[in-house]
PDBML (XML) file of the C-alpha atoms, coordinates in Angstrom:
<?xml version="1.0" encoding="UTF-8" ?>
<PDBx:datablock datablockName="MODEL"
   xmlns:PDBx="http://pdbml.pdb.org/schema/pdbx-v50.xsd"
   xmlns:xsi="http://www.w3.org/2001/XMLSchema-instance"
   xsi:schemaLocation="http://pdbml.pdb.org/schema/pdbx-v50.xsd pdbx-v50.xsd">
   <PDBx:atom_siteCategory>
      <PDBx:atom_site id="1">
         <PDBx:B_iso_or_equiv>0.00</PDBx:B_iso_or_equiv>
         <PDBx:Cartn_x>-15.257</PDBx:Cartn_x>
         <PDBx:Cartn_y>17.625</PDBx:Cartn_y>
         <PDBx:Cartn_z>-10.861</PDBx:Cartn_z>
         <PDBx:auth_asym_id>A</PDBx:auth_asym_id>
         <PDBx:auth_atom_id>CA</PDBx:auth_atom_id>
         <PDBx:auth_comp_id>LEU</PDBx:auth_comp_id>
         <PDBx:auth_seq_id>1</PDBx:auth_seq_id>
         <PDBx:group_PDB>ATOM</PDBx:group_PDB>
         <PDBx:label_alt_id xsi:nil="true" />
         <PDBx:label_asym_id>A</PDBx:label_asym_id>
         <PDBx:label_atom_id>CA</PDBx:label_atom_id>
         <PDBx:label_comp_id>LEU</PDBx:label_comp_id>
         <PDBx:label_entity_id>1</PDBx:label_entity_id>
         <PDBx:label_seq_id>1</PDBx:label_seq_id>
         <PDBx:occupancy>1.00</PDBx:occupancy>
         <PDBx:pdbx_PDB_model_num>1</PDBx:pdbx_PDB_model_num>
         <PDBx:type_symbol>C</PDBx:type_symbol>
      </PDBx:atom_site>
      <PDBx:atom_site id="2">
         <PDBx:B_iso_or_equiv>0.00</PDBx:B_iso_or_equiv>
         <PDBx:Cartn_x>-12.623</PDBx:Cartn_x>
         <PDBx:Cartn_y>15.771</PDBx:Cartn_y>
         <PDBx:Cartn_z>-9.157</PDBx:Cartn_z>
         <PDBx:auth_asym_id>A</PDBx:auth_asym_id>
         <PDBx:auth_atom_id>CA</PDBx:auth_atom_id>
         <PDBx:auth_comp_id>ILE</PDBx:auth_comp_id>
         <PDBx:auth_seq_id>2</PDBx:auth_seq_id>
         <PDBx:group_PDB>ATOM</PDBx:group_PDB>
         <PDBx:label_alt_id xsi:nil="true" />
         <PDBx:label_asym_id>A</PDBx:label_asym_id>
         <PDBx:label_atom_id>CA</PDBx:label_atom_id>
         <PDBx:label_comp_id>ILE</PDBx:label_comp_id>
         <PDBx:label_entity_id>1</PDBx:label_entity_id>
         <PDBx:label_seq_id>2</PDBx:label_seq_id>
         <PDBx:occupancy>1.00</PDBx:occupancy>
         <PDBx:pdbx_PDB_model_num>1</PDBx:pdbx_PDB_model_num>
         <PDBx:type_symbol>C</PDBx:type_symbol>
      </PDBx:atom_site>
      <PDBx:atom_site id="3">
         <PDBx:B_iso_or_equiv>0.00</PDBx:B_iso_or_equiv>
         <PDBx:Cartn_x>-10.205</PDBx:Cartn_x>
         <PDBx:Cartn_y>18.867</PDBx:Cartn_y>
         <PDBx:Cartn_z>-9.240</PDBx:Cartn_z>
         <PDBx:auth_asym_id>A</PDBx:auth_asym_id>
         <PDBx:auth_atom_id>CA</PDBx:auth_atom_id>
         <PDBx:auth_comp_id>ALA</PDBx:auth_comp_id>
         <PDBx:auth_seq_id>3</PDBx:auth_seq_id>
         <PDBx:group_PDB>ATOM</PDBx:group_PDB>
         <PDBx:label_alt_id xsi:nil="true" />
         <PDBx:label_asym_id>A</PDBx:label_asym_id>
         <PDBx:label_atom_id>CA</PDBx:label_atom_id>
         <PDBx:label_comp_id>ALA</PDBx:label_comp_id>
         <PDBx:label_entity_id>1</PDBx:label_entity_id>
         <PDBx:label_seq_id>3</PDBx:label_seq_id>
         <PDBx:occupancy>1.00</PDBx:occupancy>
         <PDBx:pdbx_PDB_model_num>1</PDBx:pdbx_PDB_model_num>
         <PDBx:type_symbol>C</PDBx:type_symbol>
      </PDBx:atom_site>
      <PDBx:atom_site id="4">
         <PDBx:B_iso_or_equiv>0.00</PDBx:B_iso_or_equiv>
         <PDBx:Cartn_x>-13.140</PDBx:Cartn_x>
         <PDBx:Cartn_y>21.044</PDBx:Cartn_y>
         <PDBx:Cartn_z>-8.123</PDBx:Cartn_z>
         <PDBx:auth_asym_id>A</PDBx:auth_asym_id>
         <PDBx:auth_atom_id>CA</PDBx:auth_atom_id>
         <PDBx:auth_comp_id>ALA</PDBx:auth_comp_id>
         <PDBx:auth_seq_id>4</PDBx:auth_seq_id>
         <PDBx:group_PDB>ATOM</PDBx:group_PDB>
         <PDBx:label_alt_id xsi:nil="true" />
         <PDBx:label_asym_id>A</PDBx:label_asym_id>
         <PDBx:label_atom_id>CA</PDBx:label_atom_id>
         <PDBx:label_comp_id>ALA</PDBx:label_comp_id>
         <PDBx:label_entity_id>1</PDBx:label_entity_id>
         <PDBx:label_seq_id>4</PDBx:label_seq_id>
         <PDBx:occupancy>1.00</PDBx:occupancy>
         <PDBx:pdbx_PDB_model_num>1</PDBx:pdbx_PDB_model_num>
         <PDBx:type_symbol>C</PDBx:type_symbol>
      </PDBx:atom_site>
      <PDBx:atom_site id="5">
         <PDBx:B_iso_or_equiv>0.00</PDBx:B_iso_or_equiv>
         <PDBx:Cartn_x>-14.094</PDBx:Cartn_x>
         <PDBx:Cartn_y>18.848</PDBx:Cartn_y>
         <PDBx:Cartn_z>-5.260</PDBx:Cartn_z>
         <PDBx:auth_asym_id>A</PDBx:auth_asym_id>
         <PDBx:auth_atom_id>CA</PDBx:auth_atom_id>
         <PDBx:auth_comp_id>SER</PDBx:auth_comp_id>
         <PDBx:auth_seq_id>5</PDBx:auth_seq_id>
         <PDBx:group_PDB>ATOM</PDBx:group_PDB>
         <PDBx:label_alt_id xsi:nil="true" />
         <PDBx:label_asym_id>A</PDBx:label_asym_id>
         <PDBx:label_atom_id>CA</PDBx:label_atom_id>
         <PDBx:label_comp_id>SER</PDBx:label_comp_id>
         <PDBx:label_entity_id>1</PDBx:label_entity_id>
         <PDBx:label_seq_id>5</PDBx:label_seq_id>
         <PDBx:occupancy>1.00</PDBx:occupancy>
         <PDBx:pdbx_PDB_model_num>1</PDBx:pdbx_PDB_model_num>
         <PDBx:type_symbol>C</PDBx:type_symbol>
      </PDBx:atom_site>
      <PDBx:atom_site id="6">
         <PDBx:B_iso_or_equiv>0.00</PDBx:B_iso_or_equiv>
         <PDBx:Cartn_x>-10.812</PDBx:Cartn_x>
         <PDBx:Cartn_y>17.671</PDBx:Cartn_y>
         <PDBx:Cartn_z>-4.096</PDBx:Cartn_z>
         <PDBx:auth_asym_id>A</PDBx:auth_asym_id>
         <PDBx:auth_atom_id>CA</PDBx:auth_atom_id>
         <PDBx:auth_comp_id>ASN</PDBx:auth_comp_id>
         <PDBx:auth_seq_id>6</PDBx:auth_seq_id>
         <PDBx:group_PDB>ATOM</PDBx:group_PDB>
         <PDBx:label_alt_id xsi:nil="true" />
         <PDBx:label_asym_id>A</PDBx:label_asym_id>
         <PDBx:label_atom_id>CA</PDBx:label_atom_id>
         <PDBx:label_comp_id>ASN</PDBx:label_comp_id>
         <PDBx:label_entity_id>1</PDBx:label_entity_id>
         <PDBx:label_seq_id>6</PDBx:label_seq_id>
         <PDBx:occupancy>1.00</PDBx:occupancy>
         <PDBx:pdbx_PDB_model_num>1</PDBx:pdbx_PDB_model_num>
         <PDBx:type_symbol>C</PDBx:type_symbol>
      </PDBx:atom_site>
      <PDBx:atom_site id="7">
         <PDBx:B_iso_or_equiv>0.00</PDBx:B_iso_or_equiv>
         <PDBx:Cartn_x>-9.691</PDBx:Cartn_x>
         <PDBx:Cartn_y>19.767</PDBx:Cartn_y>
         <PDBx:Cartn_z>-0.976</PDBx:Cartn_z>
         <PDBx:auth_asym_id>A</PDBx:auth_asym_id>
         <PDBx:auth_atom_id>CA</PDBx:auth_atom_id>
         <PDBx:auth_comp_id>THR</PDBx:auth_comp_id>
         <PDBx:auth_seq_id>7</PDBx:auth_seq_id>
         <PDBx:group_PDB>ATOM</PDBx:group_PDB>
         <PDBx:label_alt_id xsi:nil="true" />
         <PDBx:label_asym_id>A</PDBx:label_asym_id>
         <PDBx:label_atom_id>CA</PDBx:label_atom_id>
         <PDBx:label_comp_id>THR</PDBx:label_comp_id>
         <PDBx:label_entity_id>1</PDBx:label_entity_id>
         <PDBx:label_seq_id>7</PDBx:label_seq_id>
         <PDBx:occupancy>1.00</PDBx:occupancy>
         <PDBx:pdbx_PDB_model_num>1</PDBx:pdbx_PDB_model_num>
         <PDBx:type_symbol>C</PDBx:type_symbol>
      </PDBx:atom_site>
      <PDBx:atom_site id="8">
         <PDBx:B_iso_or_equiv>0.00</PDBx:B_iso_or_equiv>
         <PDBx:Cartn_x>-6.021</PDBx:Cartn_x>
         <PDBx:Cartn_y>18.562</PDBx:Cartn_y>
         <PDBx:Cartn_z>-1.296</PDBx:Cartn_z>
         <PDBx:auth_asym_id>A</PDBx:auth_asym_id>
         <PDBx:auth_atom_id>CA</PDBx:auth_atom_id>
         <PDBx:auth_comp_id>ASP</PDBx:auth_comp_id>
         <PDBx:auth_seq_id>8</PDBx:auth_seq_id>
         <PDBx:group_PDB>ATOM</PDBx:group_PDB>
         <PDBx:label_alt_id xsi:nil="true" />
         <PDBx:label_asym_id>A</PDBx:label_asym_id>
         <PDBx:label_atom_id>CA</PDBx:label_atom_id>
         <PDBx:label_comp_id>ASP</PDBx:label_comp_id>
         <PDBx:label_entity_id>1</PDBx:label_entity_id>
         <PDBx:label_seq_id>8</PDBx:label_seq_id>
         <PDBx:occupancy>1.00</PDBx:occupancy>
         <PDBx:pdbx_PDB_model_num>1</PDBx:pdbx_PDB_model_num>
         <PDBx:type_symbol>C</PDBx:type_symbol>
      </PDBx:atom_site>
      <PDBx:atom_site id="9">
         <PDBx:B_iso_or_equiv>0.00</PDBx:B_iso_or_equiv>
         <PDBx:Cartn_x>-5.169</PDBx:Cartn_x>
         <PDBx:Cartn_y>20.664</PDBx:Cartn_y>
         <PDBx:Cartn_z>-4.392</PDBx:Cartn_z>
         <PDBx:auth_asym_id>A</PDBx:auth_asym_id>
         <PDBx:auth_atom_id>CA</PDBx:auth_atom_id>
         <PDBx:auth_comp_id>GLY</PDBx:auth_comp_id>
         <PDBx:auth_seq_id>9</PDBx:auth_seq_id>
         <PDBx:group_PDB>ATOM</PDBx:group_PDB>
         <PDBx:label_alt_id xsi:nil="true" />
         <PDBx:label_asym_id>A</PDBx:label_asym_id>
         <PDBx:label_atom_id>CA</PDBx:label_atom_id>
         <PDBx:label_comp_id>GLY</PDBx:label_comp_id>
         <PDBx:label_entity_id>1</PDBx:label_entity_id>
         <PDBx:label_seq_id>9</PDBx:label_seq_id>
         <PDBx:occupancy>1.00</PDBx:occupancy>
         <PDBx:pdbx_PDB_model_num>1</PDBx:pdbx_PDB_model_num>
         <PDBx:type_symbol>C</PDBx:type_symbol>
      </PDBx:atom_site>
      <PDBx:atom_site id="10">
         <PDBx:B_iso_or_equiv>0.00</PDBx:B_iso_or_equiv>
         <PDBx:Cartn_x>-5.644</PDBx:Cartn_x>
         <PDBx:Cartn_y>18.108</PDBx:Cartn_y>
         <PDBx:Cartn_z>-7.143</PDBx:Cartn_z>
         <PDBx:auth_asym_id>A</PDBx:auth_asym_id>
         <PDBx:auth_atom_id>CA</PDBx:auth_atom_id>
         <PDBx:auth_comp_id>MET</PDBx:auth_comp_id>
         <PDBx:auth_seq_id>10</PDBx:auth_seq_id>
         <PDBx:group_PDB>ATOM</PDBx:group_PDB>
         <PDBx:label_alt_id xsi:nil="true" />
         <PDBx:label_asym_id>A</PDBx:label_asym_id>
         <PDBx:label_atom_id>CA</PDBx:label_atom_id>
         <PDBx:label_comp_id>MET</PDBx:label_comp_id>
         <PDBx:label_entity_id>1</PDBx:label_entity_id>
         <PDBx:label_seq_id>10</PDBx:label_seq_id>
         <PDBx:occupancy>1.00</PDBx:occupancy>
         <PDBx:pdbx_PDB_model_num>1</PDBx:pdbx_PDB_model_num>
         <PDBx:type_symbol>C</PDBx:type_symbol>
      </PDBx:atom_site>
      <PDBx:atom_site id="11">
         <PDBx:B_iso_or_equiv>0.00</PDBx:B_iso_or_equiv>
         <PDBx:Cartn_x>-5.492</PDBx:Cartn_x>
         <PDBx:Cartn_y>19.623</PDBx:Cartn_y>
         <PDBx:Cartn_z>-10.641</PDBx:Cartn_z>
         <PDBx:auth_asym_id>A</PDBx:auth_asym_id>
         <PDBx:auth_atom_id>CA</PDBx:auth_atom_id>
         <PDBx:auth_comp_id>THR</PDBx:auth_comp_id>
         <PDBx:auth_seq_id>11</PDBx:auth_seq_id>
         <PDBx:group_PDB>ATOM</PDBx:group_PDB>
         <PDBx:label_alt_id xsi:nil="true" />
         <PDBx:label_asym_id>A</PDBx:label_asym_id>
         <PDBx:label_atom_id>CA</PDBx:label_atom_id>
         <PDBx:label_comp_id>THR</PDBx:label_comp_id>
         <PDBx:label_entity_id>1</PDBx:label_entity_id>
         <PDBx:label_seq_id>11</PDBx:label_seq_id>
         <PDBx:occupancy>1.00</PDBx:occupancy>
         <PDBx:pdbx_PDB_model_num>1</PDBx:pdbx_PDB_model_num>
         <PDBx:type_symbol>C</PDBx:type_symbol>
      </PDBx:atom_site>
      <PDBx:atom_site id="12">
         <PDBx:B_iso_or_equiv>0.00</PDBx:B_iso_or_equiv>
         <PDBx:Cartn_x>-7.777</PDBx:Cartn_x>
         <PDBx:Cartn_y>18.737</PDBx:Cartn_y>
         <PDBx:Cartn_z>-13.689</PDBx:Cartn_z>
         <PDBx:auth_asym_id>A</PDBx:auth_asym_id>
         <PDBx:auth_atom_id>CA</PDBx:auth_atom_id>
         <PDBx:auth_comp_id>GLU</PDBx:auth_comp_id>
         <PDBx:auth_seq_id>12</PDBx:auth_seq_id>
         <PDBx:group_PDB>ATOM</PDBx:group_PDB>
         <PDBx:label_alt_id xsi:nil="true" />
         <PDBx:label_asym_id>A</PDBx:label_asym_id>
         <PDBx:label_atom_id>CA</PDBx:label_atom_id>
         <PDBx:label_comp_id>GLU</PDBx:label_comp_id>
         <PDBx:label_entity_id>1</PDBx:label_entity_id>
         <PDBx:label_seq_id>12</PDBx:label_seq_id>
         <PDBx:occupancy>1.00</PDBx:occupancy>
         <PDBx:pdbx_PDB_model_num>1</PDBx:pdbx_PDB_model_num>
         <PDBx:type_symbol>C</PDBx:type_symbol>
      </PDBx:atom_site>
      <PDBx:atom_site id="13">
         <PDBx:B_iso_or_equiv>0.00</PDBx:B_iso_or_equiv>
         <PDBx:Cartn_x>-4.445</PDBx:Cartn_x>
         <PDBx:Cartn_y>17.553</PDBx:Cartn_y>
         <PDBx:Cartn_z>-15.390</PDBx:Cartn_z>
         <PDBx:auth_asym_id>A</PDBx:auth_asym_id>
         <PDBx:auth_atom_id>CA</PDBx:auth_atom_id>
         <PDBx:auth_comp_id>GLU</PDBx:auth_comp_id>
         <PDBx:auth_seq_id>13</PDBx:auth_seq_id>
         <PDBx:group_PDB>ATOM</PDBx:group_PDB>
         <PDBx:label_alt_id xsi:nil="true" />
         <PDBx:label_asym_id>A</PDBx:label_asym_id>
         <PDBx:label_atom_id>CA</PDBx:label_atom_id>
         <PDBx:label_comp_id>GLU</PDBx:label_comp_id>
         <PDBx:label_entity_id>1</PDBx:label_entity_id>
         <PDBx:label_seq_id>13</PDBx:label_seq_id>
         <PDBx:occupancy>1.00</PDBx:occupancy>
         <PDBx:pdbx_PDB_model_num>1</PDBx:pdbx_PDB_model_num>
         <PDBx:type_symbol>C</PDBx:type_symbol>
      </PDBx:atom_site>
      <PDBx:atom_site id="14">
         <PDBx:B_iso_or_equiv>0.00</PDBx:B_iso_or_equiv>
         <PDBx:Cartn_x>-3.668</PDBx:Cartn_x>
         <PDBx:Cartn_y>15.341</PDBx:Cartn_y>
         <PDBx:Cartn_z>-12.385</PDBx:Cartn_z>
         <PDBx:auth_asym_id>A</PDBx:auth_asym_id>
         <PDBx:auth_atom_id>CA</PDBx:auth_atom_id>
         <PDBx:auth_comp_id>GLN</PDBx:auth_comp_id>
         <PDBx:auth_seq_id>14</PDBx:auth_seq_id>
         <PDBx:group_PDB>ATOM</PDBx:group_PDB>
         <PDBx:label_alt_id xsi:nil="true" />
         <PDBx:label_asym_id>A</PDBx:label_asym_id>
         <PDBx:label_atom_id>CA</PDBx:label_atom_id>
         <PDBx:label_comp_id>GLN</PDBx:label_comp_id>
         <PDBx:label_entity_id>1</PDBx:label_entity_id>
         <PDBx:label_seq_id>14</PDBx:label_seq_id>
         <PDBx:occupancy>1.00</PDBx:occupancy>
         <PDBx:pdbx_PDB_model_num>1</PDBx:pdbx_PDB_model_num>
         <PDBx:type_symbol>C</PDBx:type_symbol>
      </PDBx:atom_site>
      <PDBx:atom_site id="15">
         <PDBx:B_iso_or_equiv>0.00</PDBx:B_iso_or_equiv>
         <PDBx:Cartn_x>-7.324</PDBx:Cartn_x>
         <PDBx:Cartn_y>13.864</PDBx:Cartn_y>
         <PDBx:Cartn_z>-12.293</PDBx:Cartn_z>
         <PDBx:auth_asym_id>A</PDBx:auth_asym_id>
         <PDBx:auth_atom_id>CA</PDBx:auth_atom_id>
         <PDBx:auth_comp_id>ALA</PDBx:auth_comp_id>
         <PDBx:auth_seq_id>15</PDBx:auth_seq_id>
         <PDBx:group_PDB>ATOM</PDBx:group_PDB>
         <PDBx:label_alt_id xsi:nil="true" />
         <PDBx:label_asym_id>A</PDBx:label_asym_id>
         <PDBx:label_atom_id>CA</PDBx:label_atom_id>
         <PDBx:label_comp_id>ALA</PDBx:label_comp_id>
         <PDBx:label_entity_id>1</PDBx:label_entity_id>
         <PDBx:label_seq_id>15</PDBx:label_seq_id>
         <PDBx:occupancy>1.00</PDBx:occupancy>
         <PDBx:pdbx_PDB_model_num>1</PDBx:pdbx_PDB_model_num>
         <PDBx:type_symbol>C</PDBx:type_symbol>
      </PDBx:atom_site>
      <PDBx:atom_site id="16">
         <PDBx:B_iso_or_equiv>0.00</PDBx:B_iso_or_equiv>
         <PDBx:Cartn_x>-7.003</PDBx:Cartn_x>
         <PDBx:Cartn_y>12.980</PDBx:Cartn_y>
         <PDBx:Cartn_z>-16.008</PDBx:Cartn_z>
         <PDBx:auth_asym_id>A</PDBx:auth_asym_id>
         <PDBx:auth_atom_id>CA</PDBx:auth_atom_id>
         <PDBx:auth_comp_id>ARG</PDBx:auth_comp_id>
         <PDBx:auth_seq_id>16</PDBx:auth_seq_id>
         <PDBx:group_PDB>ATOM</PDBx:group_PDB>
         <PDBx:label_alt_id xsi:nil="true" />
         <PDBx:label_asym_id>A</PDBx:label_asym_id>
         <PDBx:label_atom_id>CA</PDBx:label_atom_id>
         <PDBx:label_comp_id>ARG</PDBx:label_comp_id>
         <PDBx:label_entity_id>1</PDBx:label_entity_id>
         <PDBx:label_seq_id>16</PDBx:label_seq_id>
         <PDBx:occupancy>1.00</PDBx:occupancy>
         <PDBx:pdbx_PDB_model_num>1</PDBx:pdbx_PDB_model_num>
         <PDBx:type_symbol>C</PDBx:type_symbol>
      </PDBx:atom_site>
      <PDBx:atom_site id="17">
         <PDBx:B_iso_or_equiv>0.00</PDBx:B_iso_or_equiv>
         <PDBx:Cartn_x>-3.649</PDBx:Cartn_x>
         <PDBx:Cartn_y>11.501</PDBx:Cartn_y>
         <PDBx:Cartn_z>-15.529</PDBx:Cartn_z>
         <PDBx:auth_asym_id>A</PDBx:auth_asym_id>
         <PDBx:auth_atom_id>CA</PDBx:auth_atom_id>
         <PDBx:auth_comp_id>GLU</PDBx:auth_comp_id>
         <PDBx:auth_seq_id>17</PDBx:auth_seq_id>
         <PDBx:group_PDB>ATOM</PDBx:group_PDB>
         <PDBx:label_alt_id xsi:nil="true" />
         <PDBx:label_asym_id>A</PDBx:label_asym_id>
         <PDBx:label_atom_id>CA</PDBx:label_atom_id>
         <PDBx:label_comp_id>GLU</PDBx:label_comp_id>
         <PDBx:label_entity_id>1</PDBx:label_entity_id>
         <PDBx:label_seq_id>17</PDBx:label_seq_id>
         <PDBx:occupancy>1.00</PDBx:occupancy>
         <PDBx:pdbx_PDB_model_num>1</PDBx:pdbx_PDB_model_num>
         <PDBx:type_symbol>C</PDBx:type_symbol>
      </PDBx:atom_site>
      <PDBx:atom_site id="18">
         <PDBx:B_iso_or_equiv>0.00</PDBx:B_iso_or_equiv>
         <PDBx:Cartn_x>-5.099</PDBx:Cartn_x>
         <PDBx:Cartn_y>9.265</PDBx:Cartn_y>
         <PDBx:Cartn_z>-12.724</PDBx:Cartn_z>
         <PDBx:auth_asym_id>A</PDBx:auth_asym_id>
         <PDBx:auth_atom_id>CA</PDBx:auth_atom_id>
         <PDBx:auth_comp_id>PHE</PDBx:auth_comp_id>
         <PDBx:auth_seq_id>18</PDBx:auth_seq_id>
         <PDBx:group_PDB>ATOM</PDBx:group_PDB>
         <PDBx:label_alt_id xsi:nil="true" />
         <PDBx:label_asym_id>A</PDBx:label_asym_id>
         <PDBx:label_atom_id>CA</PDBx:label_atom_id>
         <PDBx:label_comp_id>PHE</PDBx:label_comp_id>
         <PDBx:label_entity_id>1</PDBx:label_entity_id>
         <PDBx:label_seq_id>18</PDBx:label_seq_id>
         <PDBx:occupancy>1.00</PDBx:occupancy>
         <PDBx:pdbx_PDB_model_num>1</PDBx:pdbx_PDB_model_num>
         <PDBx:type_symbol>C</PDBx:type_symbol>
      </PDBx:atom_site>
      <PDBx:atom_site id="19">
         <PDBx:B_iso_or_equiv>0.00</PDBx:B_iso_or_equiv>
         <PDBx:Cartn_x>-8.323</PDBx:Cartn_x>
         <PDBx:Cartn_y>8.417</PDBx:Cartn_y>
         <PDBx:Cartn_z>-14.531</PDBx:Cartn_z>
         <PDBx:auth_asym_id>A</PDBx:auth_asym_id>
         <PDBx:auth_atom_id>CA</PDBx:auth_atom_id>
         <PDBx:auth_comp_id>LEU</PDBx:auth_comp_id>
         <PDBx:auth_seq_id>19</PDBx:auth_seq_id>
         <PDBx:group_PDB>ATOM</PDBx:group_PDB>
         <PDBx:label_alt_id xsi:nil="true" />
         <PDBx:label_asym_id>A</PDBx:label_asym_id>
         <PDBx:label_atom_id>CA</PDBx:label_atom_id>
         <PDBx:label_comp_id>LEU</PDBx:label_comp_id>
         <PDBx:label_entity_id>1</PDBx:label_entity_id>
         <PDBx:label_seq_id>19</PDBx:label_seq_id>
         <PDBx:occupancy>1.00</PDBx:occupancy>
         <PDBx:pdbx_PDB_model_num>1</PDBx:pdbx_PDB_model_num>
         <PDBx:type_symbol>C</PDBx:type_symbol>
      </PDBx:atom_site>
      <PDBx:atom_site id="20">
         <PDBx:B_iso_or_equiv>0.00</PDBx:B_iso_or_equiv>
         <PDBx:Cartn_x>-6.359</PDBx:Cartn_x>
         <PDBx:Cartn_y>7.435</PDBx:Cartn_y>
         <PDBx:Cartn_z>-17.478</PDBx:Cartn_z>
         <PDBx:auth_asym_id>A</PDBx:auth_asym_id>
         <PDBx:auth_atom_id>CA</PDBx:auth_atom_id>
         <PDBx:auth_comp_id>ASP</PDBx:auth_comp_id>
         <PDBx:auth_seq_id>20</PDBx:auth_seq_id>
         <PDBx:group_PDB>ATOM</PDBx:group_PDB>
         <PDBx:label_alt_id xsi:nil="true" />
         <PDBx:label_asym_id>A</PDBx:label_asym_id>
         <PDBx:label_atom_id>CA</PDBx:label_atom_id>
         <PDBx:label_comp_id>ASP</PDBx:label_comp_id>
         <PDBx:label_entity_id>1</PDBx:label_entity_id>
         <PDBx:label_seq_id>20</PDBx:label_seq_id>
         <PDBx:occupancy>1.00</PDBx:occupancy>
         <PDBx:pdbx_PDB_model_num>1</PDBx:pdbx_PDB_model_num>
         <PDBx:type_symbol>C</PDBx:type_symbol>
      </PDBx:atom_site>
      <PDBx:atom_site id="21">
         <PDBx:B_iso_or_equiv>0.00</PDBx:B_iso_or_equiv>
         <PDBx:Cartn_x>-3.684</PDBx:Cartn_x>
         <PDBx:Cartn_y>5.564</PDBx:Cartn_y>
         <PDBx:Cartn_z>-15.886</PDBx:Cartn_z>
         <PDBx:auth_asym_id>A</PDBx:auth_asym_id>
         <PDBx:auth_atom_id>CA</PDBx:auth_atom_id>
         <PDBx:auth_comp_id>THR</PDBx:auth_comp_id>
         <PDBx:auth_seq_id>21</PDBx:auth_seq_id>
         <PDBx:group_PDB>ATOM</PDBx:group_PDB>
         <PDBx:label_alt_id xsi:nil="true" />
         <PDBx:label_asym_id>A</PDBx:label_asym_id>
         <PDBx:label_atom_id>CA</PDBx:label_atom_id>
         <PDBx:label_comp_id>THR</PDBx:label_comp_id>
         <PDBx:label_entity_id>1</PDBx:label_entity_id>
         <PDBx:label_seq_id>21</PDBx:label_seq_id>
         <PDBx:occupancy>1.00</PDBx:occupancy>
         <PDBx:pdbx_PDB_model_num>1</PDBx:pdbx_PDB_model_num>
         <PDBx:type_symbol>C</PDBx:type_symbol>
      </PDBx:atom_site>
      <PDBx:atom_site id="22">
         <PDBx:B_iso_or_equiv>0.00</PDBx:B_iso_or_equiv>
         <PDBx:Cartn_x>-5.323</PDBx:Cartn_x>
         <PDBx:Cartn_y>3.761</PDBx:Cartn_y>
         <PDBx:Cartn_z>-12.808</PDBx:Cartn_z>
         <PDBx:auth_asym_id>A</PDBx:auth_asym_id>
         <PDBx:auth_atom_id>CA</PDBx:auth_atom_id>
         <PDBx:auth_comp_id>TRP</PDBx:auth_comp_id>
         <PDBx:auth_seq_id>22</PDBx:auth_seq_id>
         <PDBx:group_PDB>ATOM</PDBx:group_PDB>
         <PDBx:label_alt_id xsi:nil="true" />
         <PDBx:label_asym_id>A</PDBx:label_asym_id>
         <PDBx:label_atom_id>CA</PDBx:label_atom_id>
         <PDBx:label_comp_id>TRP</PDBx:label_comp_id>
         <PDBx:label_entity_id>1</PDBx:label_entity_id>
         <PDBx:label_seq_id>22</PDBx:label_seq_id>
         <PDBx:occupancy>1.00</PDBx:occupancy>
         <PDBx:pdbx_PDB_model_num>1</PDBx:pdbx_PDB_model_num>
         <PDBx:type_symbol>C</PDBx:type_symbol>
      </PDBx:atom_site>
      <PDBx:atom_site id="23">
         <PDBx:B_iso_or_equiv>0.00</PDBx:B_iso_or_equiv>
         <PDBx:Cartn_x>-6.915</PDBx:Cartn_x>
         <PDBx:Cartn_y>0.582</PDBx:Cartn_y>
         <PDBx:Cartn_z>-13.140</PDBx:Cartn_z>
         <PDBx:auth_asym_id>A</PDBx:auth_asym_id>
         <PDBx:auth_atom_id>CA</PDBx:auth_atom_id>
         <PDBx:auth_comp_id>SER</PDBx:auth_comp_id>
         <PDBx:auth_seq_id>23</PDBx:auth_seq_id>
         <PDBx:group_PDB>ATOM</PDBx:group_PDB>
         <PDBx:label_alt_id xsi:nil="true" />
         <PDBx:label_asym_id>A</PDBx:label_asym_id>
         <PDBx:label_atom_id>CA</PDBx:label_atom_id>
         <PDBx:label_comp_id>SER</PDBx:label_comp_id>
         <PDBx:label_entity_id>1</PDBx:label_entity_id>
         <PDBx:label_seq_id>23</PDBx:label_seq_id>
         <PDBx:occupancy>1.00</PDBx:occupancy>
         <PDBx:pdbx_PDB_model_num>1</PDBx:pdbx_PDB_model_num>
         <PDBx:type_symbol>C</PDBx:type_symbol>
      </PDBx:atom_site>
      <PDBx:atom_site id="24">
         <PDBx:B_iso_or_equiv>0.00</PDBx:B_iso_or_equiv>
         <PDBx:Cartn_x>-10.776</PDBx:Cartn_x>
         <PDBx:Cartn_y>0.721</PDBx:Cartn_y>
         <PDBx:Cartn_z>-14.210</PDBx:Cartn_z>
         <PDBx:auth_asym_id>A</PDBx:auth_asym_id>
         <PDBx:auth_atom_id>CA</PDBx:auth_atom_id>
         <PDBx:auth_comp_id>ASP</PDBx:auth_comp_id>
         <PDBx:auth_seq_id>24</PDBx:auth_seq_id>
         <PDBx:group_PDB>ATOM</PDBx:group_PDB>
         <PDBx:label_alt_id xsi:nil="true" />
         <PDBx:label_asym_id>A</PDBx:label_asym_id>
         <PDBx:label_atom_id>CA</PDBx:label_atom_id>
         <PDBx:label_comp_id>ASP</PDBx:label_comp_id>
         <PDBx:label_entity_id>1</PDBx:label_entity_id>
         <PDBx:label_seq_id>24</PDBx:label_seq_id>
         <PDBx:occupancy>1.00</PDBx:occupancy>
         <PDBx:pdbx_PDB_model_num>1</PDBx:pdbx_PDB_model_num>
         <PDBx:type_symbol>C</PDBx:type_symbol>
      </PDBx:atom_site>
   </PDBx:atom_siteCategory>
</PDBx:datablock>
């Protein structure tokens, strides 16, 4: 969802990385 709706070019892998590593 993040990758599909982000207009900056974020990939699913990047979205997963941020979801897994950023604070809750």
